[in-house]
Amino acid sequence: TLIIGTKENLSNKPGATTKVTIYVQDRNDIPPVFLTMPRPITLDDDVAISTHVTTVSATDSDGTAPGNKVRYEIVGRGKAPRYFQIDSDTGEIYVKDDLRKEPDNE
């Protein structure tokens, strides 16, 4: 909290004062770090849709929310987004589509 004051311009007498409260927020400046790197996983091509494949886990050392909240997503333009989905909150990865399907135009 700052106390701000004024003075009379000509007489140099004290004028009014007020309090100003400034809140400093933690900046989202620390990137998330994966806790462990998952090992390679082998799946049969006839595995059922919605089968849980694995879970990834990361942590973010920023001090306060929302800067310390980790969200997960599958990135890239390859085949993975067609066949797999990830829960953005938990990091759980599931089979999204029939792994026997050939991708269109890839």
Protein backbone atom coordinates (compact mmCIF):
# COMPACT_ATOMS: atom_id res chain seq x y z
CA THR A 1 0.00 0.00 0.00
CA LEU A 2 1.29 3.43 -0.96
CA ILE A 3 0.24 6.65 0.68
CA ILE A 4 0.05 9.45 -1.86
CA GLY A 5 0.01 13.07 -0.74
CA THR A 6 -0.43 16.52 -2.27
CA LYS A 7 0.85 19.97 -1.31
CA GLU A 8 -0.71 23.34 -1.86
CA ASN A 9 1.05 24.85 -4.84
CA LEU A 10 1.83 28.34 -3.48
CA SER A 11 1.83 27.92 0.31
CA ASN A 12 3.61 24.55 0.50
CA LYS A 13 0.97 23.47 3.05
CA PRO A 14 0.01 19.78 3.15
CA GLY A 15 -3.00 18.88 1.08
CA ALA A 16 -4.93 15.64 0.82
CA THR A 17 -3.65 12.08 1.14
CA THR A 18 -4.95 8.78 -0.14
CA LYS A 19 -3.92 5.15 -0.02
CA VAL A 20 -3.26 3.19 -3.20
CA THR A 21 -3.08 -0.59 -3.00
CA ILE A 22 -1.09 -2.36 -5.72
CA TYR A 23 -1.33 -6.12 -6.22
CA VAL A 24 1.53 -7.84 -8.03
CA GLN A 25 0.60 -11.00 -9.90
CA ASP A 26 3.01 -13.83 -10.56
CA ARG A 27 3.82 -13.90 -14.27
CA ASN A 28 3.54 -17.20 -16.13
CA ASP A 29 7.27 -17.38 -16.84
CA ILE A 30 8.26 -20.93 -15.91
CA PRO A 31 7.42 -23.57 -18.53
CA PRO A 32 5.92 -26.91 -17.47
CA VAL A 33 8.25 -29.88 -17.02
CA PHE A 34 7.27 -33.51 -17.65
CA LEU A 35 7.79 -35.57 -14.51
CA THR A 36 8.75 -38.72 -16.41
CA MET A 37 9.13 -39.57 -20.06
CA PRO A 38 6.81 -42.42 -21.02
CA ARG A 39 8.35 -45.58 -22.42
CA PRO A 40 7.43 -46.71 -25.94
CA ILE A 41 4.05 -48.44 -26.01
CA THR A 42 2.99 -51.19 -28.42
CA LEU A 43 -0.70 -51.58 -29.23
CA ASP A 44 -2.45 -54.21 -31.33
CA ASP A 45 -4.17 -52.62 -34.32
CA ASP A 46 -7.53 -54.04 -33.20
CA VAL A 47 -7.49 -52.34 -29.79
CA ALA A 48 -10.91 -50.96 -28.83
CA ILE A 49 -11.74 -47.29 -29.24
CA SER A 50 -11.60 -45.47 -25.85
CA THR A 51 -8.88 -47.81 -24.56
CA HIS A 52 -6.61 -46.04 -22.09
CA VAL A 53 -3.07 -46.02 -23.51
CA THR A 54 -1.00 -44.12 -20.94
CA THR A 55 -0.97 -41.00 -18.79
CA VAL A 56 1.58 -38.21 -19.05
CA SER A 57 2.21 -35.89 -16.13
CA ALA A 58 3.84 -32.49 -15.92
CA THR A 59 4.23 -29.82 -13.27
CA ASP A 60 4.54 -26.06 -13.50
CA SER A 61 6.51 -24.17 -10.84
CA ASP A 62 4.79 -20.82 -11.32
CA GLY A 63 3.53 -19.67 -7.94
CA THR A 64 -0.15 -19.06 -8.51
CA ALA A 65 -3.06 -20.07 -10.71
CA PRO A 66 -3.70 -19.87 -13.56
CA GLY A 67 0.04 -19.71 -14.33
CA ASN A 68 0.75 -23.01 -12.59
CA LYS A 69 -2.08 -24.93 -14.29
CA VAL A 70 -0.89 -27.53 -16.82
CA ARG A 71 -3.06 -28.28 -19.88
CA TYR A 72 -2.26 -31.14 -22.25
CA GLU A 73 -2.77 -31.40 -25.99
CA ILE A 74 -1.57 -33.49 -28.91
CA VAL A 75 0.45 -31.23 -31.17
CA GLY A 76 1.66 -31.67 -34.72
CA ARG A 77 0.12 -32.46 -38.05
CA GLY A 78 0.89 -36.17 -38.21
CA LYS A 79 -1.47 -39.11 -37.75
CA ALA A 80 -1.59 -39.00 -33.95
CA PRO A 81 -4.50 -36.51 -33.59
CA ARG A 82 -6.67 -38.74 -35.76
CA TYR A 83 -6.09 -41.91 -33.74
CA PHE A 84 -5.48 -40.65 -30.22
CA GLN A 85 -6.95 -38.08 -27.84
CA ILE A 86 -5.64 -36.66 -24.61
CA ASP A 87 -7.63 -35.38 -21.66
CA SER A 88 -6.45 -31.77 -21.41
CA ASP A 89 -6.75 -31.76 -17.61
CA THR A 90 -5.43 -35.18 -16.60
CA GLY A 91 -2.95 -36.12 -19.37
CA GLU A 92 -4.70 -39.46 -19.95
CA ILE A 93 -4.27 -40.67 -23.54
CA TYR A 94 -6.96 -42.80 -25.20
CA VAL A 95 -7.52 -44.49 -28.53
CA LYS A 96 -9.82 -42.21 -30.53
CA ASP A 97 -10.35 -44.13 -33.78
CA ASP A 98 -9.87 -47.57 -35.33
CA LEU A 99 -6.12 -48.05 -35.69
CA ARG A 100 -6.67 -50.25 -38.77
CA LYS A 101 -8.09 -47.34 -40.78
CA GLU A 102 -5.82 -45.81 -43.37
CA PRO A 103 -5.62 -42.03 -43.07
CA ASP A 104 -7.19 -40.03 -45.89
CA ASN A 105 -4.63 -38.37 -48.19
CA GLU A 106 -1.65 -38.93 -45.93
